[in-house]
Amino acid sequence: MARDNDRNKKRPEPSAISDRQKRLAEEDARIKAEEARLRQMLQAAPAKREELIKKQRDDLIERKSRVVHLDGPIERRFDGITGPRTTRSRRAPRGHTFSQLFCLLLFIILCIALYYAFRTISAG
């Protein structure tokens, strides 16, 4: 009878097949959890989109319905543009004017140098 007790106490060592089955079961559980998460995201997507559209619509209504007291006429052509409005000055900065004049001077010097080079080549 002692032998029967020894056999019951011994646990079989995990084989390669059982290890592979465990890994496959874990991977299957992970894939099912990911699939459930993605399915839940797909079901929630229309509600999120509706919420976003409603928020944008409410923001637009709030912007348009804001009462502004101005002394002059109201310009509404550019209300749909949400970016910052910047105006460009017509005058070029001081550095640009200097660089433009410097480039013009260099171009004139190049033309004069080419003129004398062709003149000496054709005369020689």
Protein backbone atom coordinates (compact mmCIF):
# COMPACT_ATOMS: atom_id res chain seq x y z
CA MET A 1 0.00 0.00 0.00
CA ALA A 2 2.90 2.30 0.46
CA ARG A 3 3.45 2.28 -3.23
CA ASP A 4 -0.07 3.54 -3.95
CA ASN A 5 0.49 6.54 -1.66
CA ASP A 6 3.76 7.37 -3.41
CA ARG A 7 2.09 7.31 -6.78
CA ASN A 8 -0.69 9.65 -5.69
CA LYS A 9 1.81 12.15 -4.29
CA LYS A 10 3.79 12.33 -7.51
CA ARG A 11 2.54 14.90 -9.99
CA PRO A 12 3.27 14.39 -13.63
CA GLU A 13 5.78 16.86 -15.03
CA PRO A 14 4.37 19.28 -17.55
CA SER A 15 5.03 18.11 -21.06
CA ALA A 16 5.68 20.24 -24.13
CA ILE A 17 2.13 19.62 -25.33
CA SER A 18 0.55 20.83 -22.08
CA ASP A 19 2.82 23.92 -22.10
CA ARG A 20 1.76 24.68 -25.63
CA GLN A 21 -1.91 24.21 -24.69
CA LYS A 22 -1.51 26.61 -21.76
CA ARG A 23 0.14 29.23 -23.99
CA LEU A 24 -2.58 28.82 -26.61
CA ALA A 25 -5.28 29.16 -23.96
CA GLU A 26 -3.64 32.36 -22.61
CA GLU A 27 -3.31 33.76 -26.12
CA ASP A 28 -6.94 32.86 -26.85
CA ALA A 29 -8.06 34.66 -23.69
CA ARG A 30 -5.98 37.70 -24.62
CA ILE A 31 -7.41 37.76 -28.16
CA LYS A 32 -10.96 37.44 -26.85
CA ALA A 33 -10.39 40.30 -24.39
CA GLU A 34 -8.98 42.48 -27.18
CA GLU A 35 -11.90 41.56 -29.44
CA ALA A 36 -14.38 42.48 -26.70
CA ARG A 37 -12.61 45.81 -26.14
CA LEU A 38 -12.67 46.61 -29.88
CA ARG A 39 -16.32 45.58 -30.18
CA GLN A 40 -17.17 47.89 -27.26
CA MET A 41 -15.24 50.75 -28.93
CA LEU A 42 -17.17 50.18 -32.17
CA GLN A 43 -20.47 50.29 -30.32
CA ALA A 44 -19.46 53.48 -28.50
CA ALA A 45 -18.14 55.24 -31.65
CA PRO A 46 -21.50 56.59 -32.95
CA ALA A 47 -22.34 58.00 -29.53
CA LYS A 48 -18.93 59.69 -29.30
CA ARG A 49 -19.36 61.12 -32.79
CA GLU A 50 -22.79 62.48 -31.94
CA GLU A 51 -21.37 63.98 -28.76
CA LEU A 52 -18.56 65.66 -30.71
CA ILE A 53 -20.98 67.04 -33.32
CA LYS A 54 -23.27 68.33 -30.57
CA LYS A 55 -20.35 70.00 -28.80
CA GLN A 56 -19.18 71.68 -32.02
CA ARG A 57 -22.73 72.81 -32.79
CA ASP A 58 -23.17 74.20 -29.28
CA ASP A 59 -19.86 76.06 -29.50
CA LEU A 60 -20.87 77.57 -32.84
CA ILE A 61 -24.28 78.59 -31.49
CA GLU A 62 -22.67 80.10 -28.43
CA ARG A 63 -20.20 82.07 -30.56
CA LYS A 64 -22.90 83.32 -32.93
CA SER A 65 -25.38 84.23 -30.21
CA ARG A 66 -22.89 86.23 -28.15
CA VAL A 67 -24.02 89.84 -27.98
CA VAL A 68 -21.33 92.30 -29.00
CA HIS A 69 -21.83 96.04 -28.84
CA LEU A 70 -19.76 97.72 -31.51
CA ASP A 71 -19.81 101.29 -32.70
CA GLY A 72 -19.19 100.35 -36.32
CA PRO A 73 -20.75 97.83 -38.71
CA ILE A 74 -20.39 94.14 -37.95
CA GLU A 75 -18.37 92.02 -40.40
CA ARG A 76 -19.59 88.39 -40.48
CA ARG A 77 -17.82 87.10 -43.59
CA PHE A 78 -14.96 85.53 -41.66
CA ASP A 79 -16.85 84.05 -38.69
CA GLY A 80 -16.43 80.51 -40.01
CA ILE A 81 -12.65 80.83 -39.93
CA THR A 82 -11.41 79.64 -36.57
CA GLY A 83 -7.69 80.29 -37.00
CA PRO A 84 -5.98 83.37 -35.64
CA ARG A 85 -6.27 86.42 -37.83
CA THR A 86 -2.95 87.98 -38.63
CA THR A 87 -2.34 90.95 -40.89
CA ARG A 88 0.84 91.29 -42.89
CA SER A 89 2.47 94.65 -43.02
CA ARG A 90 3.08 96.09 -46.46
CA ARG A 91 6.52 97.38 -45.55
CA ALA A 92 9.35 94.89 -45.69
CA PRO A 93 11.49 94.68 -42.58
CA ARG A 94 14.74 96.62 -42.58
CA GLY A 95 16.87 93.49 -43.09
CA HIS A 96 14.90 92.47 -46.19
CA THR A 97 15.39 95.82 -47.86
CA PHE A 98 19.13 95.74 -47.23
CA SER A 99 19.45 92.18 -48.53
CA GLN A 100 17.43 93.03 -51.65
CA LEU A 101 19.69 96.02 -52.41
CA PHE A 102 22.80 93.92 -51.74
CA CYS A 103 21.60 91.20 -54.15
CA LEU A 104 20.86 93.83 -56.80
CA LEU A 105 24.38 95.27 -56.39
CA LEU A 106 25.93 91.80 -56.72
CA PHE A 107 23.87 91.12 -59.85
CA ILE A 108 25.07 94.38 -61.44
CA ILE A 109 28.70 93.54 -60.59
CA LEU A 110 28.24 90.07 -62.15
CA CYS A 111 26.81 91.59 -65.34
CA ILE A 112 29.73 94.03 -65.62
CA ALA A 113 32.26 91.22 -65.04
CA LEU A 114 30.62 89.05 -67.72
CA TYR A 115 30.59 92.00 -70.15
CA TYR A 116 34.33 92.60 -69.75
CA ALA A 117 35.09 88.86 -69.92
CA PHE A 118 33.26 88.45 -73.25
CA ARG A 119 34.74 91.67 -74.56
CA THR A 120 38.30 90.51 -73.85
CA ILE A 121 37.65 87.02 -75.25
CA SER A 122 36.16 88.34 -78.49
CA ALA A 123 38.94 90.95 -78.90
CA GLY A 124 41.77 88.48 -78.23
